[in-house]
Amino acid sequence: MPPRMKFGIFLAPFHWLGENPTLGLERDLETVQWLDHLGYDEAWIGEHHSAGW
């Protein structure tokens, strides 16, 4: 039997200006937990060093 296809996701680091960064990160981590529950194999979260903080 051939190996199963693996699935992953890239989450862009887009958070609204003025949003609490901790809340944005917690929301991203909650999304990753759901993806794990759904059987995804990996998740990547990008870095964005030029955001309008």
PDB file of N, CA and C in Angstrom:
ATOM      1  N   MET A   1       0.854  -1.175   0.000  1.00  0.00           N
ATOM      2  CA  MET A   1       0.000   0.000   0.000  1.00  0.00           C
ATOM      3  C   MET A   1       0.905   1.244   0.000  1.00  0.00           C
ATOM      4  N   PRO A   2       0.623   2.236  -0.842  1.00  0.00           N
ATOM      5  CA  PRO A   2       1.438   3.455  -0.859  1.00  0.00           C
ATOM      6  C   PRO A   2       1.220   4.263   0.417  1.00  0.00           C
ATOM      7  N   PRO A   3       2.208   5.064   0.797  1.00  0.00           N
ATOM      8  CA  PRO A   3       2.043   5.896   1.994  1.00  0.00           C
ATOM      9  C   PRO A   3       0.920   6.913   1.793  1.00  0.00           C
ATOM     10  N   ARG A   4       0.260   7.243   2.874  1.00  0.00           N
ATOM     11  CA  ARG A   4      -0.848   8.198   2.777  1.00  0.00           C
ATOM     12  C   ARG A   4      -0.329   9.612   2.538  1.00  0.00           C
ATOM     13  N   MET A   5      -1.142  10.410   1.896  1.00  0.00           N
ATOM     14  CA  MET A   5      -0.795  11.800   1.660  1.00  0.00           C
ATOM     15  C   MET A   5      -0.871  12.552   2.984  1.00  0.00           C
ATOM     16  N   LYS A   6       0.097  13.415   3.223  1.00  0.00           N
ATOM     17  CA  LYS A   6       0.098  14.221   4.444  1.00  0.00           C
ATOM     18  C   LYS A   6      -0.455  15.612   4.132  1.00  0.00           C
ATOM     19  N   PHE A   7      -1.054  16.208   5.140  1.00  0.00           N
ATOM     20  CA  PHE A   7      -1.654  17.525   4.978  1.00  0.00           C
ATOM     21  C   PHE A   7      -1.083  18.492   5.997  1.00  0.00           C
ATOM     22  N   GLY A   8      -0.915  19.721   5.576  1.00  0.00           N
ATOM     23  CA  GLY A   8      -0.431  20.769   6.449  1.00  0.00           C
ATOM     24  C   GLY A   8      -1.056  22.094   6.052  1.00  0.00           C
ATOM     25  N   ILE A   9      -0.752  23.114   6.828  1.00  0.00           N
ATOM     26  CA  ILE A   9      -1.300  24.443   6.563  1.00  0.00           C
ATOM     27  C   ILE A   9      -0.252  25.485   6.928  1.00  0.00           C
ATOM     28  N   PHE A  10      -0.264  26.593   6.209  1.00  0.00           N
ATOM     29  CA  PHE A  10       0.549  27.756   6.549  1.00  0.00           C
ATOM     30  C   PHE A  10      -0.401  28.848   6.999  1.00  0.00           C
ATOM     31  N   LEU A  11      -0.218  29.312   8.215  1.00  0.00           N
ATOM     32  CA  LEU A  11      -1.039  30.411   8.735  1.00  0.00           C
ATOM     33  C   LEU A  11      -0.260  31.712   8.575  1.00  0.00           C
ATOM     34  N   ALA A  12      -0.800  32.610   7.798  1.00  0.00           N
ATOM     35  CA  ALA A  12      -0.167  33.922   7.649  1.00  0.00           C
ATOM     36  C   ALA A  12      -0.349  34.703   8.946  1.00  0.00           C
ATOM     37  N   PRO A  13       0.657  35.455   9.347  1.00  0.00           N
ATOM     38  CA  PRO A  13       0.589  36.168  10.621  1.00  0.00           C
ATOM     39  C   PRO A  13      -0.176  37.478  10.505  1.00  0.00           C
ATOM     40  N   PHE A  14      -1.420  37.410  10.062  1.00  0.00           N
ATOM     41  CA  PHE A  14      -2.214  38.624   9.895  1.00  0.00           C
ATOM     42  C   PHE A  14      -3.090  38.830  11.122  1.00  0.00           C
ATOM     43  N   HIS A  15      -2.852  39.921  11.815  1.00  0.00           N
ATOM     44  CA  HIS A  15      -3.685  40.313  12.951  1.00  0.00           C
ATOM     45  C   HIS A  15      -4.032  41.788  12.769  1.00  0.00           C
ATOM     46  N   TRP A  16      -5.217  42.148  13.165  1.00  0.00           N
ATOM     47  CA  TRP A  16      -5.688  43.523  12.985  1.00  0.00           C
ATOM     48  C   TRP A  16      -4.829  44.504  13.770  1.00  0.00           C
ATOM     49  N   LEU A  17      -4.616  45.693  13.191  1.00  0.00           N
ATOM     50  CA  LEU A  17      -3.913  46.752  13.913  1.00  0.00           C
ATOM     51  C   LEU A  17      -4.682  47.075  15.186  1.00  0.00           C
ATOM     52  N   GLY A  18      -3.967  47.228  16.269  1.00  0.00           N
ATOM     53  CA  GLY A  18      -4.596  47.532  17.542  1.00  0.00           C
ATOM     54  C   GLY A  18      -5.062  46.310  18.306  1.00  0.00           C
ATOM     55  N   GLU A  19      -5.029  45.143  17.666  1.00  0.00           N
ATOM     56  CA  GLU A  19      -5.438  43.919  18.357  1.00  0.00           C
ATOM     57  C   GLU A  19      -4.345  43.513  19.344  1.00  0.00           C
ATOM     58  N   ASN A  20      -4.763  43.042  20.490  1.00  0.00           N
ATOM     59  CA  ASN A  20      -3.814  42.542  21.479  1.00  0.00           C
ATOM     60  C   ASN A  20      -3.043  41.375  20.859  1.00  0.00           C
ATOM     61  N   PRO A  21      -1.697  41.458  20.778  1.00  0.00           N
ATOM     62  CA  PRO A  21      -0.930  40.397  20.134  1.00  0.00           C
ATOM     63  C   PRO A  21      -1.090  39.039  20.811  1.00  0.00           C
ATOM     64  N   THR A  22      -1.273  39.040  22.114  1.00  0.00           N
ATOM     65  CA  THR A  22      -1.463  37.775  22.829  1.00  0.00           C
ATOM     66  C   THR A  22      -2.749  37.099  22.380  1.00  0.00           C
ATOM     67  N   LEU A  23      -3.816  37.874  22.219  1.00  0.00           N
ATOM     68  CA  LEU A  23      -5.088  37.299  21.775  1.00  0.00           C
ATOM     69  C   LEU A  23      -4.982  36.762  20.348  1.00  0.00           C
ATOM     70  N   GLY A  24      -4.249  37.462  19.494  1.00  0.00           N
ATOM     71  CA  GLY A  24      -4.058  36.984  18.127  1.00  0.00           C
ATOM     72  C   GLY A  24      -3.302  35.668  18.095  1.00  0.00           C
ATOM     73  N   LEU A  25      -2.256  35.566  18.898  1.00  0.00           N
ATOM     74  CA  LEU A  25      -1.480  34.330  18.957  1.00  0.00           C
ATOM     75  C   LEU A  25      -2.308  33.192  19.540  1.00  0.00           C
ATOM     76  N   GLU A  26      -3.085  33.489  20.583  1.00  0.00           N
ATOM     77  CA  GLU A  26      -3.950  32.454  21.170  1.00  0.00           C
ATOM     78  C   GLU A  26      -4.966  31.946  20.145  1.00  0.00           C
ATOM     79  N   ARG A  27      -5.497  32.842  19.323  1.00  0.00           N
ATOM     80  CA  ARG A  27      -6.438  32.431  18.282  1.00  0.00           C
ATOM     81  C   ARG A  27      -5.749  31.521  17.260  1.00  0.00           C
ATOM     82  N   ASP A  28      -4.519  31.874  16.883  1.00  0.00           N
ATOM     83  CA  ASP A  28      -3.765  31.027  15.953  1.00  0.00           C
ATOM     84  C   ASP A  28      -3.513  29.647  16.557  1.00  0.00           C
ATOM     85  N   LEU A  29      -3.144  29.594  17.823  1.00  0.00           N
ATOM     86  CA  LEU A  29      -2.882  28.309  18.478  1.00  0.00           C
ATOM     87  C   LEU A  29      -4.156  27.476  18.596  1.00  0.00           C
ATOM     88  N   GLU A  30      -5.289  28.127  18.830  1.00  0.00           N
ATOM     89  CA  GLU A  30      -6.565  27.407  18.866  1.00  0.00           C
ATOM     90  C   GLU A  30      -6.874  26.800  17.492  1.00  0.00           C
ATOM     91  N   THR A  31      -6.564  27.547  16.438  1.00  0.00           N
ATOM     92  CA  THR A  31      -6.753  27.017  15.085  1.00  0.00           C
ATOM     93  C   THR A  31      -5.887  25.781  14.872  1.00  0.00           C
ATOM     94  N   VAL A  32      -4.633  25.829  15.322  1.00  0.00           N
ATOM     95  CA  VAL A  32      -3.727  24.689  15.176  1.00  0.00           C
ATOM     96  C   VAL A  32      -4.254  23.483  15.959  1.00  0.00           C
ATOM     97  N   GLN A  33      -4.821  23.712  17.132  1.00  0.00           N
ATOM     98  CA  GLN A  33      -5.390  22.602  17.910  1.00  0.00           C
ATOM     99  C   GLN A  33      -6.541  21.947  17.147  1.00  0.00           C
ATOM    100  N   TRP A  34      -7.382  22.750  16.509  1.00  0.00           N
ATOM    101  CA  TRP A  34      -8.482  22.188  15.715  1.00  0.00           C
ATOM    102  C   TRP A  34      -7.941  21.384  14.539  1.00  0.00           C
ATOM    103  N   LEU A  35      -6.914  21.920  13.890  1.00  0.00           N
ATOM    104  CA  LEU A  35      -6.317  21.210  12.760  1.00  0.00           C
ATOM    105  C   LEU A  35      -5.733  19.871  13.203  1.00  0.00           C
ATOM    106  N   ASP A  36      -5.121  19.841  14.376  1.00  0.00           N
ATOM    107  CA  ASP A  36      -4.597  18.585  14.920  1.00  0.00           C
ATOM    108  C   ASP A  36      -5.740  17.600  15.141  1.00  0.00           C
ATOM    109  N   HIS A  37      -6.827  18.091  15.695  1.00  0.00           N
ATOM    110  CA  HIS A  37      -8.009  17.251  15.926  1.00  0.00           C
ATOM    111  C   HIS A  37      -8.551  16.686  14.606  1.00  0.00           C
ATOM    112  N   LEU A  38      -8.445  17.472  13.539  1.00  0.00           N
ATOM    113  CA  LEU A  38      -8.941  17.048  12.225  1.00  0.00           C
ATOM    114  C   LEU A  38      -7.969  16.130  11.481  1.00  0.00           C
ATOM    115  N   GLY A  39      -6.781  15.921  12.049  1.00  0.00           N
ATOM    116  CA  GLY A  39      -5.841  14.986  11.448  1.00  0.00           C
ATOM    117  C   GLY A  39      -4.738  15.598  10.597  1.00  0.00           C
ATOM    118  N   TYR A  40      -4.593  16.921  10.626  1.00  0.00           N
ATOM    119  CA  TYR A  40      -3.499  17.544   9.879  1.00  0.00           C
ATOM    120  C   TYR A  40      -2.165  17.090  10.468  1.00  0.00           C
ATOM    121  N   ASP A  41      -1.154  17.017   9.626  1.00  0.00           N
ATOM    122  CA  ASP A  41       0.151  16.531  10.043  1.00  0.00           C
ATOM    123  C   ASP A  41       1.077  17.638  10.534  1.00  0.00           C
ATOM    124  N   GLU A  42       0.899  18.839  10.019  1.00  0.00           N
ATOM    125  CA  GLU A  42       1.780  19.923  10.431  1.00  0.00           C
ATOM    126  C   GLU A  42       1.097  21.266  10.203  1.00  0.00           C
ATOM    127  N   ALA A  43       1.592  22.254  10.924  1.00  0.00           N
ATOM    128  CA  ALA A  43       1.123  23.630  10.756  1.00  0.00           C
ATOM    129  C   ALA A  43       2.334  24.547  10.853  1.00  0.00           C
ATOM    130  N   TRP A  44       2.364  25.514   9.980  1.00  0.00           N
ATOM    131  CA  TRP A  44       3.437  26.505   9.972  1.00  0.00           C
ATOM    132  C   TRP A  44       2.812  27.870  10.233  1.00  0.00           C
ATOM    133  N   ILE A  45       3.418  28.628  11.116  1.00  0.00           N
ATOM    134  CA  ILE A  45       2.955  29.992  11.387  1.00  0.00           C
ATOM    135  C   ILE A  45       4.073  30.928  10.953  1.00  0.00           C
ATOM    136  N   GLY A  46       3.755  31.818  10.040  1.00  0.00           N
ATOM    137  CA  GLY A  46       4.760  32.739   9.519  1.00  0.00           C
ATOM    138  C   GLY A  46       5.124  33.819  10.523  1.00  0.00           C
ATOM    139  N   GLU A  47       6.222  34.479  10.231  1.00  0.00           N
ATOM    140  CA  GLU A  47       6.663  35.621  11.026  1.00  0.00           C
ATOM    141  C   GLU A  47       6.511  36.865  10.160  1.00  0.00           C
ATOM    142  N   HIS A  48       6.132  37.937  10.776  1.00  0.00           N
ATOM    143  CA  HIS A  48       5.977  39.182  10.027  1.00  0.00           C
ATOM    144  C   HIS A  48       6.574  40.293  10.872  1.00  0.00           C
ATOM    145  N   HIS A  49       7.804  40.661  10.548  1.00  0.00           N
ATOM    146  CA  HIS A  49       8.538  41.614  11.378  1.00  0.00           C
ATOM    147  C   HIS A  49       8.256  43.067  11.025  1.00  0.00           C
ATOM    148  N   SER A  50       7.481  43.303   9.980  1.00  0.00           N
ATOM    149  CA  SER A  50       7.218  44.686   9.586  1.00  0.00           C
ATOM    150  C   SER A  50       5.749  45.053   9.768  1.00  0.00           C
ATOM    151  N   ALA A  51       5.071  44.343  10.657  1.00  0.00           N
ATOM    152  CA  ALA A  51       3.665  44.659  10.925  1.00  0.00           C
ATOM    153  C   ALA A  51       3.580  46.009  11.629  1.00  0.00           C
ATOM    154  N   GLY A  52       2.437  46.619  11.578  1.00  0.00           N
ATOM    155  CA  GLY A  52       2.265  47.950  12.142  1.00  0.00           C
ATOM    156  C   GLY A  52       2.016  47.973  13.641  1.00  0.00           C
ATOM    157  N   TRP A  53       2.878  47.398  14.418  1.00  0.00           N
ATOM    158  CA  TRP A  53       2.691  47.394  15.878  1.00  0.00           C
ATOM    159  C   TRP A  53       2.852  48.789  16.361  1.00  0.00           C
TER     160      TRP A  53
END
